[in-house]
Amino acid sequence: MDDFLPYKMVNIDHPSLLPNLKEINEFAETKAECLEMLRRELISLQDIEPCLEENFLLRFLRVSKFNTSKALQRILKYYQQQEIFLDSLKKNIPTSTQSWQRKPSLVFSLQAEE
């Protein structure tokens, strides 16, 4: 499995990555605290059953520079868009296989005139 990727994974604490981590405010304490806050806020919602996995939540936290209120808004928008997409798919799914069948068309036979 280690040979799957053509490159080696580097530690996220590598010194060359520190400016990027500072820019998005990603530090061990901030990360743990923000994840916990975001999970609490998501659990308190009654309309959705959110994914609480760390990698999923970190995507929203990183793009929001670990601002939990912005991350929460992005997650809510994500679920809203997902709902719209699923509703549109449900509306376009045929209810039976009949609609998949070709409707009869006019067939002209070409016969040689006698």
N, C-alpha and C. Protein backbone atom coordinates (compact mmCIF):
# COMPACT_ATOMS: atom_id res chain seq x y z
N MET A 1 0.82 -1.19 0.00
CA MET A 1 0.00 0.00 0.00
C MET A 1 0.87 1.26 0.00
N ASP A 2 2.06 1.16 0.57
CA ASP A 2 2.94 2.32 0.63
C ASP A 2 3.41 2.76 -0.75
N ASP A 3 3.40 1.84 -1.70
CA ASP A 3 3.87 2.16 -3.05
C ASP A 3 2.77 2.71 -3.94
N PHE A 4 1.59 2.90 -3.38
CA PHE A 4 0.46 3.37 -4.19
C PHE A 4 0.68 4.78 -4.72
N LEU A 5 1.15 5.68 -3.87
CA LEU A 5 1.38 7.06 -4.28
C LEU A 5 2.78 7.21 -4.86
N PRO A 6 2.93 8.01 -5.91
CA PRO A 6 4.26 8.17 -6.50
C PRO A 6 5.16 9.12 -5.70
N TYR A 7 4.71 9.60 -4.60
CA TYR A 7 5.50 10.52 -3.78
C TYR A 7 5.32 10.14 -2.31
N LYS A 8 6.19 10.64 -1.50
CA LYS A 8 6.13 10.36 -0.07
C LYS A 8 5.30 11.42 0.64
N MET A 9 4.53 11.00 1.60
CA MET A 9 3.76 11.95 2.41
C MET A 9 4.71 12.67 3.35
N VAL A 10 4.47 13.95 3.56
CA VAL A 10 5.31 14.71 4.48
C VAL A 10 4.50 15.06 5.71
N ASN A 11 5.21 15.29 6.76
CA ASN A 11 4.58 15.69 8.01
C ASN A 11 4.03 17.10 7.85
N ILE A 12 2.83 17.33 8.32
CA ILE A 12 2.21 18.64 8.18
C ILE A 12 2.93 19.69 9.03
N ASP A 13 3.74 19.24 9.97
CA ASP A 13 4.50 20.17 10.82
C ASP A 13 5.85 20.54 10.21
N HIS A 14 6.06 20.17 8.98
CA HIS A 14 7.31 20.49 8.30
C HIS A 14 7.49 22.01 8.28
N PRO A 15 8.69 22.52 8.53
CA PRO A 15 8.92 23.97 8.61
C PRO A 15 8.49 24.75 7.36
N SER A 16 8.57 24.14 6.19
CA SER A 16 8.18 24.85 4.97
C SER A 16 6.67 25.10 4.89
N LEU A 17 5.89 24.35 5.67
CA LEU A 17 4.44 24.51 5.66
C LEU A 17 3.93 25.46 6.74
N LEU A 18 4.78 25.85 7.65
CA LEU A 18 4.35 26.69 8.76
C LEU A 18 3.70 28.01 8.33
N PRO A 19 4.23 28.73 7.33
CA PRO A 19 3.55 29.97 6.92
C PRO A 19 2.11 29.72 6.45
N ASN A 20 1.89 28.61 5.76
CA ASN A 20 0.54 28.28 5.30
C ASN A 20 -0.38 27.94 6.47
N LEU A 21 0.16 27.21 7.43
CA LEU A 21 -0.63 26.85 8.60
C LEU A 21 -0.98 28.08 9.43
N LYS A 22 -0.05 29.01 9.54
CA LYS A 22 -0.33 30.25 10.26
C LYS A 22 -1.39 31.07 9.55
N GLU A 23 -1.34 31.08 8.22
CA GLU A 23 -2.29 31.86 7.46
C GLU A 23 -3.73 31.37 7.67
N ILE A 24 -3.91 30.06 7.74
CA ILE A 24 -5.27 29.55 7.95
C ILE A 24 -5.56 29.29 9.43
N ASN A 25 -4.62 29.62 10.30
CA ASN A 25 -4.81 29.51 11.75
C ASN A 25 -4.94 28.06 12.20
N GLU A 26 -4.20 27.15 11.57
CA GLU A 26 -4.28 25.74 11.94
C GLU A 26 -3.15 25.35 12.87
N PHE A 27 -3.49 25.22 14.12
CA PHE A 27 -2.57 24.75 15.15
C PHE A 27 -3.27 23.65 15.90
N ALA A 28 -2.53 22.79 16.57
CA ALA A 28 -3.11 21.62 17.25
C ALA A 28 -4.23 22.03 18.21
N GLU A 29 -3.99 23.08 19.01
CA GLU A 29 -5.00 23.50 19.98
C GLU A 29 -6.24 24.06 19.28
N THR A 30 -5.98 24.91 18.28
CA THR A 30 -7.08 25.54 17.53
C THR A 30 -7.89 24.48 16.81
N LYS A 31 -7.20 23.53 16.21
CA LYS A 31 -7.85 22.46 15.46
C LYS A 31 -8.79 21.66 16.35
N ALA A 32 -8.29 21.20 17.48
CA ALA A 32 -9.10 20.39 18.40
C ALA A 32 -10.28 21.19 18.94
N GLU A 33 -10.02 22.43 19.31
CA GLU A 33 -11.07 23.29 19.88
C GLU A 33 -12.17 23.58 18.85
N CYS A 34 -11.76 23.91 17.64
CA CYS A 34 -12.73 24.24 16.59
C CYS A 34 -13.54 23.01 16.18
N LEU A 35 -12.88 21.86 16.10
CA LEU A 35 -13.59 20.63 15.77
C LEU A 35 -14.67 20.33 16.81
N GLU A 36 -14.31 20.47 18.07
CA GLU A 36 -15.27 20.21 19.15
C GLU A 36 -16.44 21.19 19.10
N MET A 37 -16.14 22.47 18.90
CA MET A 37 -17.20 23.49 18.82
C MET A 37 -18.13 23.23 17.64
N LEU A 38 -17.54 22.91 16.50
CA LEU A 38 -18.34 22.66 15.30
C LEU A 38 -19.21 21.42 15.47
N ARG A 39 -18.65 20.39 16.05
CA ARG A 39 -19.44 19.17 16.30
C ARG A 39 -20.62 19.45 17.22
N ARG A 40 -20.38 20.23 18.28
CA ARG A 40 -21.48 20.57 19.21
C ARG A 40 -22.58 21.34 18.50
N GLU A 41 -22.19 22.30 17.66
CA GLU A 41 -23.19 23.09 16.94
C GLU A 41 -23.97 22.23 15.95
N LEU A 42 -23.29 21.32 15.29
CA LEU A 42 -23.96 20.45 14.33
C LEU A 42 -24.90 19.46 15.00
N ILE A 43 -24.49 18.94 16.15
CA ILE A 43 -25.33 17.99 16.88
C ILE A 43 -26.61 18.68 17.36
N SER A 44 -26.52 19.95 17.68
CA SER A 44 -27.69 20.67 18.19
C SER A 44 -28.72 20.97 17.09
N LEU A 45 -28.33 20.84 15.83
CA LEU A 45 -29.29 21.08 14.75
C LEU A 45 -30.29 19.94 14.68
N GLN A 46 -31.54 20.29 14.41
CA GLN A 46 -32.57 19.26 14.37
C GLN A 46 -33.00 18.91 12.95
N ASP A 47 -32.68 19.74 11.99
CA ASP A 47 -33.14 19.53 10.62
C ASP A 47 -32.32 18.53 9.83
N ILE A 48 -31.06 18.36 10.20
CA ILE A 48 -30.17 17.49 9.43
C ILE A 48 -29.47 16.50 10.33
N GLU A 49 -28.98 15.44 9.72
CA GLU A 49 -28.15 14.47 10.43
C GLU A 49 -26.75 14.59 9.82
N PRO A 50 -25.92 15.47 10.38
CA PRO A 50 -24.65 15.80 9.74
C PRO A 50 -23.57 14.73 9.93
N CYS A 51 -22.63 14.76 9.01
CA CYS A 51 -21.44 13.92 9.13
C CYS A 51 -20.51 14.62 10.14
N LEU A 52 -20.03 13.89 11.11
CA LEU A 52 -19.18 14.47 12.15
C LEU A 52 -17.73 13.97 12.07
N GLU A 53 -17.38 13.36 10.95
CA GLU A 53 -16.02 12.85 10.79
C GLU A 53 -15.02 14.01 10.70
N GLU A 54 -13.86 13.79 11.28
CA GLU A 54 -12.84 14.83 11.37
C GLU A 54 -12.41 15.36 10.01
N ASN A 55 -12.12 14.48 9.07
CA ASN A 55 -11.65 14.92 7.75
C ASN A 55 -12.70 15.75 7.01
N PHE A 56 -13.96 15.36 7.14
CA PHE A 56 -15.04 16.11 6.50
C PHE A 56 -15.13 17.52 7.09
N LEU A 57 -15.12 17.62 8.41
CA LEU A 57 -15.24 18.92 9.08
C LEU A 57 -14.01 19.79 8.84
N LEU A 58 -12.84 19.17 8.78
CA LEU A 58 -11.61 19.94 8.56
C LEU A 58 -11.60 20.64 7.20
N ARG A 59 -12.25 20.07 6.22
CA ARG A 59 -12.33 20.73 4.91
C ARG A 59 -13.01 22.09 5.05
N PHE A 60 -14.09 22.13 5.79
CA PHE A 60 -14.84 23.38 5.96
C PHE A 60 -14.11 24.34 6.90
N LEU A 61 -13.46 23.79 7.92
CA LEU A 61 -12.71 24.65 8.83
C LEU A 61 -11.51 25.28 8.15
N ARG A 62 -10.82 24.52 7.33
CA ARG A 62 -9.64 25.07 6.66
C ARG A 62 -10.00 26.16 5.67
N VAL A 63 -11.05 25.95 4.91
CA VAL A 63 -11.43 26.97 3.93
C VAL A 63 -11.99 28.21 4.63
N SER A 64 -12.43 28.06 5.87
CA SER A 64 -12.95 29.18 6.66
C SER A 64 -11.90 29.72 7.62
N LYS A 65 -10.66 29.28 7.48
CA LYS A 65 -9.55 29.70 8.34
C LYS A 65 -9.87 29.47 9.83
N PHE A 66 -10.50 28.34 10.09
CA PHE A 66 -10.85 27.89 11.43
C PHE A 66 -11.79 28.85 12.16
N ASN A 67 -12.61 29.54 11.41
CA ASN A 67 -13.69 30.34 11.95
C ASN A 67 -14.92 29.43 11.97
N THR A 68 -15.34 29.00 13.17
CA THR A 68 -16.40 28.00 13.27
C THR A 68 -17.74 28.49 12.76
N SER A 69 -18.06 29.76 12.93
CA SER A 69 -19.35 30.25 12.43
C SER A 69 -19.38 30.24 10.90
N LYS A 70 -18.27 30.61 10.27
CA LYS A 70 -18.21 30.54 8.80
C LYS A 70 -18.25 29.09 8.33
N ALA A 71 -17.54 28.23 9.03
CA ALA A 71 -17.54 26.81 8.66
C ALA A 71 -18.94 26.22 8.79
N LEU A 72 -19.65 26.58 9.84
CA LEU A 72 -21.01 26.08 10.03
C LEU A 72 -21.91 26.55 8.89
N GLN A 73 -21.80 27.81 8.50
CA GLN A 73 -22.60 28.33 7.39
C GLN A 73 -22.27 27.58 6.10
N ARG A 74 -21.02 27.29 5.88
CA ARG A 74 -20.63 26.55 4.67
C ARG A 74 -21.19 25.14 4.69
N ILE A 75 -21.18 24.50 5.84
CA ILE A 75 -21.72 23.15 5.96
C ILE A 75 -23.23 23.16 5.72
N LEU A 76 -23.92 24.14 6.29
CA LEU A 76 -25.36 24.24 6.07
C LEU A 76 -25.68 24.46 4.60
N LYS A 77 -24.87 25.29 3.95
CA LYS A 77 -25.05 25.54 2.50
C LYS A 77 -24.78 24.25 1.72
N TYR A 78 -23.79 23.49 2.14
CA TYR A 78 -23.48 22.21 1.50
C TYR A 78 -24.69 21.28 1.56
N TYR A 79 -25.28 21.15 2.76
CA TYR A 79 -26.43 20.26 2.90
C TYR A 79 -27.65 20.80 2.15
N GLN A 80 -27.80 22.10 2.10
CA GLN A 80 -28.90 22.71 1.35
C GLN A 80 -28.76 22.39 -0.14
N GLN A 81 -27.55 22.55 -0.68
CA GLN A 81 -27.31 22.24 -2.09
C GLN A 81 -27.49 20.75 -2.36
N GLN A 82 -27.09 19.93 -1.43
CA GLN A 82 -27.25 18.49 -1.59
C GLN A 82 -28.74 18.13 -1.64
N GLU A 83 -29.53 18.78 -0.81
CA GLU A 83 -30.98 18.55 -0.79
C GLU A 83 -31.62 18.97 -2.12
N ILE A 84 -31.21 20.12 -2.63
CA ILE A 84 -31.74 20.61 -3.91
C ILE A 84 -31.37 19.63 -5.03
N PHE A 85 -30.14 19.18 -5.03
CA PHE A 85 -29.68 18.24 -6.05
C PHE A 85 -30.46 16.93 -5.99
N LEU A 86 -30.64 16.39 -4.79
CA LEU A 86 -31.36 15.12 -4.65
C LEU A 86 -32.83 15.28 -5.04
N ASP A 87 -33.44 16.40 -4.69
CA ASP A 87 -34.83 16.65 -5.08
C ASP A 87 -34.98 16.72 -6.60
N SER A 88 -34.03 17.37 -7.26
CA SER A 88 -34.12 17.45 -8.71
C SER A 88 -33.93 16.08 -9.36
N LEU A 89 -33.09 15.26 -8.77
CA LEU A 89 -32.93 13.90 -9.30
C LEU A 89 -34.20 13.08 -9.11
N LYS A 90 -34.82 13.22 -7.94
CA LYS A 90 -36.04 12.47 -7.66
C LYS A 90 -37.16 12.86 -8.61
N LYS A 91 -37.23 14.13 -8.97
CA LYS A 91 -38.28 14.59 -9.87
C LYS A 91 -38.08 14.06 -11.28
N ASN A 92 -36.87 13.77 -11.66
CA ASN A 92 -36.58 13.33 -13.03
C ASN A 92 -36.43 11.83 -13.19
N ILE A 93 -36.61 11.09 -12.11
CA ILE A 93 -36.53 9.64 -12.20
C ILE A 93 -37.88 9.12 -12.66
N PRO A 94 -37.91 8.29 -13.69
CA PRO A 94 -39.19 7.75 -14.15
C PRO A 94 -39.81 6.84 -13.10
N THR A 95 -41.12 6.86 -13.04
CA THR A 95 -41.81 6.05 -12.03
C THR A 95 -41.95 4.60 -12.44
N SER A 96 -41.88 4.33 -13.73
CA SER A 96 -41.96 2.95 -14.19
C SER A 96 -41.06 2.78 -15.41
N THR A 97 -40.89 1.55 -15.79
CA THR A 97 -40.05 1.29 -16.95
C THR A 97 -40.75 1.63 -18.25
N GLN A 98 -42.07 1.84 -18.19
CA GLN A 98 -42.81 2.19 -19.40
C GLN A 98 -42.28 3.46 -20.04
N SER A 99 -41.92 4.41 -19.25
CA SER A 99 -41.47 5.68 -19.81
C SER A 99 -40.12 5.52 -20.52
N TRP A 100 -39.42 4.43 -20.24
CA TRP A 100 -38.15 4.21 -20.90
C TRP A 100 -38.34 3.57 -22.28
N GLN A 101 -39.50 2.96 -22.48
CA GLN A 101 -39.74 2.29 -23.75
C GLN A 101 -39.99 3.31 -24.84
N ARG A 102 -39.59 2.96 -26.02
CA ARG A 102 -39.79 3.85 -27.16
C ARG A 102 -41.27 3.86 -27.53
N LYS A 103 -41.78 5.05 -27.78
CA LYS A 103 -43.16 5.17 -28.20
C LYS A 103 -43.27 4.71 -29.66
N PRO A 104 -44.41 4.15 -30.01
CA PRO A 104 -44.57 3.70 -31.39
C PRO A 104 -44.43 4.86 -32.36
N SER A 105 -43.77 4.63 -33.41
CA SER A 105 -43.61 5.66 -34.42
C SER A 105 -44.20 5.18 -35.74
N LEU A 106 -44.46 6.11 -36.60
CA LEU A 106 -45.02 5.75 -37.90
C LEU A 106 -43.95 5.09 -38.74
N VAL A 107 -44.31 4.00 -39.34
CA VAL A 107 -43.37 3.27 -40.18
C VAL A 107 -43.93 3.27 -41.59
N PHE A 108 -43.17 3.75 -42.51
CA PHE A 108 -43.58 3.75 -43.90
C PHE A 108 -42.86 2.60 -44.60
N SER A 109 -43.65 1.83 -45.30
CA SER A 109 -43.00 0.74 -46.06
C SER A 109 -42.85 1.20 -47.51
N LEU A 110 -41.72 0.97 -48.02
CA LEU A 110 -41.45 1.32 -49.39
C LEU A 110 -41.64 0.07 -50.24
N GLN A 111 -42.71 0.07 -50.97
CA GLN A 111 -42.97 -1.08 -51.84
C GLN A 111 -42.89 -0.60 -53.27
N ALA A 112 -42.38 -1.43 -54.08
CA ALA A 112 -42.28 -1.10 -55.51
C ALA A 112 -43.67 -1.09 -56.13
N GLU A 113 -43.95 -0.07 -56.85
CA GLU A 113 -45.26 -0.01 -57.48
C GLU A 113 -45.30 -0.98 -58.65
N GLU A 114 -46.38 -1.66 -58.79
CA GLU A 114 -46.51 -2.63 -59.87
C GLU A 114 -47.11 -2.00 -61.08
